[in-house]
C-alpha atoms as a PDB file:
ATOM      1  CA  MET A   1      -2.394 -45.738   8.873  1.00  0.00           C
ATOM      2  CA  LYS A   2      -0.132 -42.745   8.294  1.00  0.00           C
ATOM      3  CA  THR A   3      -0.273 -39.519  10.255  1.00  0.00           C
ATOM      4  CA  TRP A   4      -0.019 -36.364   8.142  1.00  0.00           C
ATOM      5  CA  PHE A   5       0.964 -32.895   9.355  1.00  0.00           C
ATOM      6  CA  ILE A   6      -0.176 -30.324   6.791  1.00  0.00           C
ATOM      7  CA  THR A   7       0.378 -26.567   6.891  1.00  0.00           C
ATOM      8  CA  GLY A   8      -1.995 -24.190   5.141  1.00  0.00           C
ATOM      9  CA  ALA A   9      -4.722 -26.844   5.287  1.00  0.00           C
ATOM     10  CA  SER A  10      -7.825 -24.651   5.285  1.00  0.00           C
ATOM     11  CA  ARG A  11      -7.895 -24.233   1.497  1.00  0.00           C
ATOM     12  CA  GLY A  12      -6.066 -24.948  -1.749  1.00  0.00           C
ATOM     13  CA  PHE A  13      -3.704 -27.897  -2.032  1.00  0.00           C
ATOM     14  CA  GLY A  14      -3.502 -28.320   1.732  1.00  0.00           C
ATOM     15  CA  ALA A  15      -7.223 -28.856   2.186  1.00  0.00           C
ATOM     16  CA  ARG A  16      -7.438 -31.229  -0.762  1.00  0.00           C
ATOM     17  CA  ILE A  17      -4.525 -33.346   0.456  1.00  0.00           C
ATOM     18  CA  ALA A  18      -6.103 -33.498   3.917  1.00  0.00           C
ATOM     19  CA  GLU A  19      -9.430 -34.617   2.446  1.00  0.00           C
ATOM     20  CA  LYS A  20      -7.872 -37.406   0.421  1.00  0.00           C
ATOM     21  CA  ALA A  21      -5.637 -38.597   3.257  1.00  0.00           C
ATOM     22  CA  LEU A  22      -8.668 -38.799   5.571  1.00  0.00           C
ATOM     23  CA  ALA A  23     -10.660 -40.601   2.865  1.00  0.00           C
ATOM     24  CA  ARG A  24      -8.125 -43.409   2.735  1.00  0.00           C
ATOM     25  CA  GLY A  25      -8.173 -43.829   6.509  1.00  0.00           C
ATOM     26  CA  ASP A  26      -5.092 -41.845   7.500  1.00  0.00           C
ATOM     27  CA  ALA A  27      -4.864 -39.434  10.405  1.00  0.00           C
ATOM     28  CA  VAL A  28      -4.405 -35.746   9.625  1.00  0.00           C
ATOM     29  CA  VAL A  29      -3.101 -32.859  11.686  1.00  0.00           C
ATOM     30  CA  ALA A  30      -4.413 -29.937   9.660  1.00  0.00           C
ATOM     31  CA  THR A  31      -2.984 -26.553  10.538  1.00  0.00           C
ATOM     32  CA  ALA A  32      -3.899 -22.997   9.630  1.00  0.00           C
ATOM     33  CA  ARG A  33      -3.954 -19.608  11.260  1.00  0.00           C
ATOM     34  CA  ASP A  34      -7.680 -20.079  11.826  1.00  0.00           C
ATOM     35  CA  PRO A  35      -8.499 -23.683  12.836  1.00  0.00           C
ATOM     36  CA  GLU A  36     -12.229 -22.920  12.544  1.00  0.00           C
ATOM     37  CA  ALA A  37     -11.701 -22.564   8.787  1.00  0.00           C
ATOM     38  CA  ILE A  38     -10.353 -26.124   8.772  1.00  0.00           C
ATOM     39  CA  ALA A  39     -13.443 -27.392  10.564  1.00  0.00           C
ATOM     40  CA  GLU A  40     -15.666 -25.593   8.069  1.00  0.00           C
ATOM     41  CA  ARG A  41     -13.797 -27.083   5.111  1.00  0.00           C
ATOM     42  CA  LEU A  42     -13.146 -30.628   6.333  1.00  0.00           C
ATOM     43  CA  GLY A  43     -15.988 -31.181   8.789  1.00  0.00           C
ATOM     44  CA  PRO A  44     -15.841 -33.418  11.878  1.00  0.00           C
ATOM     45  CA  HIS A  45     -13.684 -36.525  11.664  1.00  0.00           C
ATOM     46  CA  ASP A  46     -12.281 -38.912  14.278  1.00  0.00           C
ATOM     47  CA  ASN A  47      -8.865 -38.907  12.606  1.00  0.00           C
ATOM     48  CA  LEU A  48      -8.644 -35.129  12.204  1.00  0.00           C
ATOM     49  CA  LEU A  49      -6.885 -32.728  14.548  1.00  0.00           C
ATOM     50  CA  ALA A  50      -7.245 -29.058  13.603  1.00  0.00           C
ATOM     51  CA  VAL A  51      -4.475 -26.930  15.092  1.00  0.00           C
ATOM     52  CA  ALA A  52      -3.835 -23.191  15.032  1.00  0.00           C
ATOM     53  CA  LEU A  53      -0.491 -22.472  13.403  1.00  0.00           C
ATOM     54  CA  ASP A  54       1.047 -19.346  12.003  1.00  0.00           C
ATOM     55  CA  VAL A  55       4.220 -20.722  10.413  1.00  0.00           C
ATOM     56  CA  ASN A  56       5.962 -17.435  11.236  1.00  0.00           C
ATOM     57  CA  ASP A  57       5.713 -18.320  14.942  1.00  0.00           C
ATOM     58  CA  ALA A  58       8.391 -20.895  15.835  1.00  0.00           C
ATOM     59  CA  ALA A  59       6.999 -21.419  19.337  1.00  0.00           C
ATOM     60  CA  GLN A  60       3.562 -22.134  17.901  1.00  0.00           C
ATOM     61  CA  ALA A  61       5.131 -24.633  15.474  1.00  0.00           C
ATOM     62  CA  ASN A  62       6.684 -26.502  18.400  1.00  0.00           C
ATOM     63  CA  THR A  63       3.352 -26.503  20.232  1.00  0.00           C
ATOM     64  CA  ALA A  64       1.541 -27.818  17.133  1.00  0.00           C
ATOM     65  CA  ALA A  65       4.104 -30.602  16.698  1.00  0.00           C
ATOM     66  CA  ALA A  66       3.705 -31.594  20.347  1.00  0.00           C
ATOM     67  CA  SER A  67      -0.090 -31.636  20.007  1.00  0.00           C
ATOM     68  CA  ALA A  68       0.185 -33.857  16.942  1.00  0.00           C
ATOM     69  CA  TYR A  69       2.463 -36.309  18.724  1.00  0.00           C
ATOM     70  CA  ASP A  70       0.298 -36.340  21.860  1.00  0.00           C
ATOM     71  CA  ARG A  71      -2.797 -37.159  19.806  1.00  0.00           C
ATOM     72  CA  PHE A  72      -1.444 -39.713  17.318  1.00  0.00           C
ATOM     73  CA  GLY A  73       1.940 -40.825  18.685  1.00  0.00           C
ATOM     74  CA  ARG A  74       3.818 -40.296  15.419  1.00  0.00           C
ATOM     75  CA  ILE A  75       4.133 -38.048  12.358  1.00  0.00           C
ATOM     76  CA  ASP A  76       4.748 -39.858   9.081  1.00  0.00           C
ATOM     77  CA  VAL A  77       4.302 -37.157   6.442  1.00  0.00           C
ATOM     78  CA  LEU A  78       5.011 -33.455   6.750  1.00  0.00           C
ATOM     79  CA  VAL A  79       3.524 -31.302   3.993  1.00  0.00           C
ATOM     80  CA  ASN A  80       5.037 -27.816   4.045  1.00  0.00           C
ATOM     81  CA  ASN A  81       2.325 -26.226   1.944  1.00  0.00           C
ATOM     82  CA  ALA A  82       1.728 -22.829   3.595  1.00  0.00           C
ATOM     83  CA  GLY A  83       2.927 -19.896   1.547  1.00  0.00           C
ATOM     84  CA  TYR A  84       1.893 -17.182  -0.870  1.00  0.00           C
ATOM     85  CA  GLY A  85       3.086 -15.406  -3.989  1.00  0.00           C
ATOM     86  CA  LEU A  86       4.209 -11.925  -4.920  1.00  0.00           C
ATOM     87  CA  VAL A  87       4.151 -10.459  -8.411  1.00  0.00           C
ATOM     88  CA  ALA A  88       6.369  -7.409  -8.813  1.00  0.00           C
ATOM     89  CA  ALA A  89       9.566  -6.476 -10.567  1.00  0.00           C
ATOM     90  CA  VAL A  90      12.580  -6.959  -8.316  1.00  0.00           C
ATOM     91  CA  GLU A  91      13.089  -3.195  -8.045  1.00  0.00           C
ATOM     92  CA  GLU A  92       9.383  -2.618  -7.426  1.00  0.00           C
ATOM     93  CA  ALA A  93       9.220  -4.954  -4.417  1.00  0.00           C
ATOM     94  CA  THR A  94       9.646  -3.092  -1.147  1.00  0.00           C
ATOM     95  CA  ALA A  95      11.906  -4.318   1.639  1.00  0.00           C
ATOM     96  CA  ALA A  96       8.837  -5.060   3.761  1.00  0.00           C
ATOM     97  CA  GLU A  97       7.246  -7.132   0.983  1.00  0.00           C
ATOM     98  CA  VAL A  98      10.451  -9.091   0.432  1.00  0.00           C
ATOM     99  CA  GLU A  99      11.002  -9.764   4.119  1.00  0.00           C
ATOM    100  CA  ALA A 100       7.404 -10.855   4.680  1.00  0.00           C
ATOM    101  CA  LEU A 101       7.543 -13.273   1.755  1.00  0.00           C
ATOM    102  CA  PHE A 102      10.787 -14.886   2.909  1.00  0.00           C
ATOM    103  CA  ARG A 103       9.471 -15.027   6.472  1.00  0.00           C
ATOM    104  CA  THR A 104       6.541 -17.203   5.417  1.00  0.00           C
ATOM    105  CA  ASN A 105       7.839 -19.161   2.427  1.00  0.00           C
ATOM    106  CA  VAL A 106      11.331 -19.935   3.761  1.00  0.00           C
ATOM    107  CA  PHE A 107      11.703 -19.214   7.468  1.00  0.00           C
ATOM    108  CA  GLY A 108       8.214 -20.526   8.221  1.00  0.00           C
ATOM    109  CA  LEU A 109       8.990 -23.758   6.393  1.00  0.00           C
ATOM    110  CA  LEU A 110      12.213 -24.047   8.398  1.00  0.00           C
ATOM    111  CA  SER A 111      10.442 -23.496  11.721  1.00  0.00           C
ATOM    112  CA  VAL A 112       7.863 -26.181  11.044  1.00  0.00           C
ATOM    113  CA  THR A 113      10.454 -28.630   9.726  1.00  0.00           C
ATOM    114  CA  ARG A 114      12.654 -28.143  12.794  1.00  0.00           C
ATOM    115  CA  ALA A 115       9.630 -28.742  15.025  1.00  0.00           C
ATOM    116  CA  ILE A 116       8.711 -32.008  13.294  1.00  0.00           C
ATOM    117  CA  LEU A 117      12.171 -33.502  12.710  1.00  0.00           C
ATOM    118  CA  PRO A 118      12.802 -34.671  16.290  1.00  0.00           C
ATOM    119  CA  VAL A 119       9.709 -36.886  16.000  1.00  0.00           C
ATOM    120  CA  MET A 120      10.760 -38.309  12.644  1.00  0.00           C
ATOM    121  CA  ARG A 121      14.344 -38.849  13.779  1.00  0.00           C
ATOM    122  CA  GLY A 122      13.048 -40.724  16.798  1.00  0.00           C
ATOM    123  CA  GLN A 123      10.958 -42.933  14.522  1.00  0.00           C
ATOM    124  CA  ARG A 124      13.804 -43.309  12.004  1.00  0.00           C
ATOM    125  CA  SER A 125      11.169 -42.786   9.320  1.00  0.00           C
ATOM    126  CA  GLY A 126       9.159 -40.063   7.630  1.00  0.00           C
ATOM    127  CA  ARG A 127       8.409 -38.151   4.451  1.00  0.00           C
ATOM    128  CA  ILE A 128       8.736 -34.400   3.967  1.00  0.00           C
ATOM    129  CA  PHE A 129       7.030 -32.736   1.015  1.00  0.00           C
ATOM    130  CA  ASN A 130       8.230 -29.153   0.616  1.00  0.00           C
ATOM    131  CA  PHE A 131       6.029 -27.195  -1.751  1.00  0.00           C
ATOM    132  CA  SER A 132       8.219 -25.424  -4.261  1.00  0.00           C
ATOM    133  CA  SER A 133       6.873 -24.327  -7.642  1.00  0.00           C
ATOM    134  CA  ILE A 134       7.535 -24.125 -11.339  1.00  0.00           C
ATOM    135  CA  GLY A 135       9.114 -20.870 -10.166  1.00  0.00           C
ATOM    136  CA  GLY A 136      11.494 -22.829  -7.965  1.00  0.00           C
ATOM    137  CA  TYR A 137      13.241 -24.216 -11.036  1.00  0.00           C
ATOM    138  CA  ARG A 138      13.184 -21.234 -13.336  1.00  0.00           C
ATOM    139  CA  ALA A 139      12.523 -17.576 -12.679  1.00  0.00           C
ATOM    140  CA  GLY A 140      11.049 -14.908 -14.897  1.00  0.00           C
ATOM    141  CA  PRO A 141       9.951 -11.278 -14.908  1.00  0.00           C
ATOM    142  CA  GLY A 142       7.510 -10.312 -12.187  1.00  0.00           C
ATOM    143  CA  PHE A 143       8.167 -13.353 -10.037  1.00  0.00           C
ATOM    144  CA  GLY A 144      11.820 -12.765  -9.094  1.00  0.00           C
ATOM    145  CA  ILE A 145      11.260 -12.414  -5.336  1.00  0.00           C
ATOM    146  CA  TYR A 146       8.757 -15.275  -5.185  1.00  0.00           C
ATOM    147  CA  SER A 147      11.100 -17.488  -7.197  1.00  0.00           C
ATOM    148  CA  ALA A 148      13.962 -16.566  -4.874  1.00  0.00           C
ATOM    149  CA  THR A 149      11.980 -18.016  -1.958  1.00  0.00           C
ATOM    150  CA  LYS A 150      11.228 -21.176  -3.906  1.00  0.00           C
ATOM    151  CA  PHE A 151      14.830 -21.539  -5.098  1.00  0.00           C
ATOM    152  CA  ALA A 152      15.675 -21.479  -1.382  1.00  0.00           C
ATOM    153  CA  VAL A 153      13.129 -24.235  -0.747  1.00  0.00           C
ATOM    154  CA  GLU A 154      14.766 -26.309  -3.488  1.00  0.00           C
ATOM    155  CA  ALA A 155      18.219 -25.887  -1.915  1.00  0.00           C
ATOM    156  CA  LEU A 156      16.948 -26.723   1.559  1.00  0.00           C
ATOM    157  CA  SER A 157      15.171 -29.791   0.216  1.00  0.00           C
ATOM    158  CA  GLU A 158      18.288 -31.085  -1.534  1.00  0.00           C
ATOM    159  CA  SER A 159      20.419 -30.619   1.577  1.00  0.00           C
ATOM    160  CA  LEU A 160      17.814 -32.076   3.911  1.00  0.00           C
ATOM    161  CA  ARG A 161      17.476 -35.101   1.650  1.00  0.00           C
ATOM    162  CA  ALA A 162      21.208 -35.825   1.924  1.00  0.00           C
ATOM    163  CA  GLU A 163      21.252 -35.206   5.685  1.00  0.00           C
ATOM    164  CA  LEU A 164      18.150 -37.236   6.505  1.00  0.00           C
ATOM    165  CA  ALA A 165      18.363 -40.186   4.096  1.00  0.00           C
ATOM    166  CA  PRO A 166      20.611 -42.210   6.469  1.00  0.00           C
ATOM    167  CA  LEU A 167      17.917 -41.757   9.136  1.00  0.00           C
ATOM    168  CA  GLY A 168      15.149 -43.210   6.953  1.00  0.00           C
ATOM    169  CA  ILE A 169      13.552 -39.843   6.202  1.00  0.00           C
ATOM    170  CA  HIS A 170      12.841 -38.910   2.566  1.00  0.00           C
ATOM    171  CA  VAL A 171      12.576 -35.303   1.382  1.00  0.00           C
ATOM    172  CA  THR A 172      11.015 -34.182  -1.905  1.00  0.00           C
ATOM    173  CA  ALA A 173      10.506 -30.706  -3.345  1.00  0.00           C
ATOM    174  CA  ILE A 174       7.050 -30.593  -4.937  1.00  0.00           C
ATOM    175  CA  GLU A 175       7.035 -28.452  -8.095  1.00  0.00           C
ATOM    176  CA  PRO A 176       3.505 -27.616  -9.250  1.00  0.00           C
ATOM    177  CA  GLY A 177       2.884 -25.572 -12.343  1.00  0.00           C
ATOM    178  CA  TYR A 178      -0.267 -23.503 -12.697  1.00  0.00           C
ATOM    179  CA  PHE A 179      -3.153 -25.353 -11.045  1.00  0.00           C
ATOM    180  CA  ARG A 180      -6.747 -24.201 -10.775  1.00  0.00           C
ATOM    181  CA  THR A 181      -6.674 -23.227  -7.107  1.00  0.00           C
ATOM    182  CA  ASP A 182      -7.049 -19.785  -5.556  1.00  0.00           C
ATOM    183  CA  PHE A 183      -3.289 -19.129  -5.808  1.00  0.00           C
ATOM    184  CA  LEU A 184      -3.824 -16.251  -8.241  1.00  0.00           C
ATOM    185  CA  ASP A 185      -6.521 -14.718  -6.025  1.00  0.00           C
ATOM    186  CA  VAL A 186      -5.666 -11.806  -3.745  1.00  0.00           C
ATOM    187  CA  ALA A 187      -5.671 -14.181  -0.745  1.00  0.00           C
ATOM    188  CA  SER A 188      -2.624 -16.035  -2.081  1.00  0.00           C
ATOM    189  CA  LEU A 189      -0.951 -13.748  -4.616  1.00  0.00           C
ATOM    190  CA  ARG A 190       0.081 -10.296  -3.477  1.00  0.00           C
ATOM    191  CA  VAL A 191       0.660  -7.603  -6.076  1.00  0.00           C
ATOM    192  CA  GLY A 192       3.491  -5.198  -5.404  1.00  0.00           C
ATOM    193  CA  GLN A 193       2.205  -1.779  -4.443  1.00  0.00           C
ATOM    194  CA  THR A 194       4.976   0.109  -6.240  1.00  0.00           C
ATOM    195  CA  LEU A 195       4.656   0.321 -10.018  1.00  0.00           C
ATOM    196  CA  ILE A 196       7.496   1.538 -12.238  1.00  0.00           C
ATOM    197  CA  GLU A 197       6.499   2.315 -15.824  1.00  0.00           C
ATOM    198  CA  ASP A 198       9.821   1.050 -17.218  1.00  0.00           C
ATOM    199  CA  TYR A 199       8.742  -2.485 -16.258  1.00  0.00           C
ATOM    200  CA  ALA A 200       5.356  -2.316 -17.972  1.00  0.00           C
ATOM    201  CA  GLN A 201       6.484  -4.627 -20.799  1.00  0.00           C
ATOM    202  CA  THR A 202       7.960  -7.248 -18.441  1.00  0.00           C
ATOM    203  CA  ALA A 203       6.669  -7.465 -14.880  1.00  0.00           C
ATOM    204  CA  GLY A 204       3.589  -5.434 -15.817  1.00  0.00           C
ATOM    205  CA  ALA A 205       2.714  -7.857 -18.599  1.00  0.00           C
ATOM    206  CA  VAL A 206       3.068 -10.768 -16.158  1.00  0.00           C
ATOM    207  CA  ARG A 207       0.715  -9.057 -13.700  1.00  0.00           C
ATOM    208  CA  ALA A 208      -1.909  -8.757 -16.432  1.00  0.00           C
ATOM    209  CA  ALA A 209      -1.380 -12.348 -17.590  1.00  0.00           C
ATOM    210  CA  ALA A 210      -1.792 -13.678 -14.042  1.00  0.00           C
ATOM    211  CA  ALA A 211      -5.124 -11.894 -13.706  1.00  0.00           C
ATOM    212  CA  ARG A 212      -6.336 -13.350 -17.008  1.00  0.00           C
ATOM    213  CA  MET A 213      -5.207 -16.866 -16.101  1.00  0.00           C
ATOM    214  CA  ASN A 214      -6.938 -16.934 -12.715  1.00  0.00           C
ATOM    215  CA  HIS A 215      -9.302 -19.937 -12.505  1.00  0.00           C
ATOM    216  CA  SER A 216      -8.407 -21.088 -16.003  1.00  0.00           C
ATOM    217  CA  GLN A 217      -5.096 -22.721 -15.140  1.00  0.00           C
ATOM    218  CA  PRO A 218      -4.437 -26.096 -16.828  1.00  0.00           C
ATOM    219  CA  GLY A 219      -3.691 -28.160 -13.708  1.00  0.00           C
ATOM    220  CA  ASP A 220      -6.327 -30.167 -11.805  1.00  0.00           C
ATOM    221  CA  PRO A 221      -5.661 -29.657  -8.054  1.00  0.00           C
ATOM    222  CA  ASP A 222      -7.650 -32.749  -7.053  1.00  0.00           C
ATOM    223  CA  ARG A 223      -5.450 -34.913  -9.261  1.00  0.00           C
ATOM    224  CA  LEU A 224      -2.352 -33.391  -7.688  1.00  0.00           C
ATOM    225  CA  ALA A 225      -3.678 -34.048  -4.188  1.00  0.00           C
ATOM    226  CA  GLN A 226      -4.416 -37.695  -4.966  1.00  0.00           C
ATOM    227  CA  ILE A 227      -1.000 -38.135  -6.566  1.00  0.00           C
ATOM    228  CA  LEU A 228       0.723 -36.822  -3.432  1.00  0.00           C
ATOM    229  CA  VAL A 229      -1.311 -39.018  -1.099  1.00  0.00           C
ATOM    230  CA  ASP A 230      -0.346 -42.038  -3.199  1.00  0.00           C
ATOM    231  CA  PHE A 231       3.228 -40.739  -3.548  1.00  0.00           C
ATOM    232  CA  ALA A 232       3.656 -40.987   0.231  1.00  0.00           C
ATOM    233  CA  ASP A 233       3.979 -44.757  -0.325  1.00  0.00           C
ATOM    234  CA  ALA A 234       6.661 -44.499  -3.042  1.00  0.00           C
ATOM    235  CA  VAL A 235       9.584 -46.786  -2.247  1.00  0.00           C
ATOM    236  CA  ASP A 236      12.340 -44.533  -3.599  1.00  0.00           C
ATOM    237  CA  PRO A 237      10.933 -40.996  -3.931  1.00  0.00           C
ATOM    238  CA  PRO A 238      12.934 -38.479  -5.988  1.00  0.00           C
ATOM    239  CA  VAL A 239      14.437 -35.297  -4.610  1.00  0.00           C
ATOM    240  CA  ARG A 240      11.997 -33.261  -6.713  1.00  0.00           C
ATOM    241  CA  LEU A 241       8.632 -34.062  -8.243  1.00  0.00           C
ATOM    242  CA  PRO A 242       7.511 -31.842 -11.150  1.00  0.00           C
ATOM    243  CA  LEU A 243       3.732 -31.774 -11.479  1.00  0.00           C
ATOM    244  CA  GLY A 244       1.966 -30.327 -14.500  1.00  0.00           C
ATOM    245  CA  SER A 245       2.765 -30.334 -18.187  1.00  0.00           C
ATOM    246  CA  ASP A 246       3.798 -26.672 -17.919  1.00  0.00           C
ATOM    247  CA  THR A 247       6.379 -27.503 -15.250  1.00  0.00           C
ATOM    248  CA  VAL A 248       7.810 -30.331 -17.352  1.00  0.00           C
ATOM    249  CA  ALA A 249       8.027 -28.033 -20.390  1.00  0.00           C
ATOM    250  CA  ALA A 250       9.712 -25.300 -18.346  1.00  0.00           C
ATOM    251  CA  ILE A 251      12.302 -27.707 -16.946  1.00  0.00           C
ATOM    252  CA  GLU A 252      13.057 -29.113 -20.378  1.00  0.00           C
ATOM    253  CA  ALA A 253      13.426 -25.593 -21.818  1.00  0.00           C
ATOM    254  CA  LYS A 254      15.810 -24.582 -19.038  1.00  0.00           C
ATOM    255  CA  HIS A 255      17.899 -27.706 -19.604  1.00  0.00           C
ATOM    256  CA  ARG A 256      18.211 -26.803 -23.279  1.00  0.00           C
ATOM    257  CA  SER A 257      19.092 -23.207 -22.462  1.00  0.00           C
ATOM    258  CA  ASP A 258      21.719 -24.203 -19.901  1.00  0.00           C
ATOM    259  CA  ALA A 259      23.213 -26.765 -22.282  1.00  0.00           C
ATOM    260  CA  ALA A 260      23.513 -24.045 -24.929  1.00  0.00           C
ATOM    261  CA  ILE A 261      25.299 -21.741 -22.462  1.00  0.00           C
ATOM    262  CA  ILE A 262      27.821 -24.439 -21.594  1.00  0.00           C
ATOM    263  CA  GLN A 263      28.403 -25.238 -25.237  1.00  0.00           C
ATOM    264  CA  ALA A 264      28.943 -21.589 -26.163  1.00  0.00           C
ATOM    265  CA  TRP A 265      31.065 -20.628 -23.164  1.00  0.00           C
ATOM    266  CA  ARG A 266      32.793 -23.871 -22.173  1.00  0.00           C
ATOM    267  CA  GLY A 267      36.277 -22.620 -23.087  1.00  0.00           C
ATOM    268  CA  LEU A 268      35.961 -19.536 -20.938  1.00  0.00           C
ATOM    269  CA  SER A 269      34.261 -21.434 -18.103  1.00  0.00           C
ATOM    270  CA  VAL A 270      37.025 -24.008 -17.698  1.00  0.00           C
ATOM    271  CA  SER A 271      39.861 -21.514 -18.254  1.00  0.00           C
ATOM    272  CA  THR A 272      39.746 -20.350 -14.629  1.00  0.00           C
ATOM    273  CA  ASP A 273      41.487 -23.485 -13.304  1.00  0.00           C
ATOM    274  CA  PHE A 274      45.178 -23.384 -12.407  1.00  0.00           C
ATOM    275  CA  GLN A 275      47.219 -24.262 -15.466  1.00  0.00           C
ATOM    276  CA  VAL A 276      49.035 -27.577 -15.254  1.00  0.00           C
ATOM    277  CA  LEU A 277      52.544 -27.220 -16.711  1.00  0.00           C
END
C-alpha cells in the first residue's frame, strides 16, 4: 500500500487521482484550502485523510506533512497538483497578477516539496509528480506568464531529479495538454483584467479560443488519473511525462523548430568560443 500526498485534491486532476488511488487500496492525504470540499467529493474512507492546506502557507505545508506522517507513517508519492492559469499578454498582466501566479504555481510547489522531502529522504524512497503543462515545454501568446511558472517547474523537476536520484527518490514533471477538466473555468483560469487593443490578434484571440474550448478539450482526465496511479509503480520513470496527443505534437513541433534554428545559425552560435591558433 502506497501513501499519496496530493495538493489541490478537491477537484480536477487531484480529486480523480485521489479516487483512483483509494480504489486500488492505497492511502491518500488529500489537501485543499477547504477540506470539507474533499469530504464532499471523495466521501468517507478509512484510508483517506483530508487536510487543510493553502500551498502559499509554508507553515501550513509543514503541519500537513506532519499530519500525514503521524497518520500513515510514510509518504510514498507527492503529487504537486495545486495551481491555476492566467491568460493575458505579458504586458497586460499586472505585477499583482504575476506575483500571485508565481506564489502558487512555483513557490507553493517548493514549500510543499520542502515539507515532504525530509520524510522521503528518511525512507530513502519516494516519487514526486510535479504538474507542469503543455505550456511548460512551449509558450505562446496569452500564456506567457503562466508558461513562465511552468518552465520554472520543469527546471526545478530536472534539478530535483538529479539531486534526489541517489537517495532513491524519483521526480517527474507531468505535462498534460488540454484535458476536459474545469481548468478553463473561472475557478482555475484567471483572465487578465487589463486589455490592450494592440494584442487583440494574439493574446486576445487566445482568450476567445480558450472560452470556446472549455469542456470540449480532447483529453480524458480519468484516463490521465489512472495512468498516473499506475505510473507510480514504474521502475525507471522519466524526468518528464507528456500526456495528450496535443502535448506530443507540440513537443515534436518545437524540436523541429529548434533544429531549424541550429541549422540556420550554427556558424554564428559556435563563433563565440575562443579561437584556437
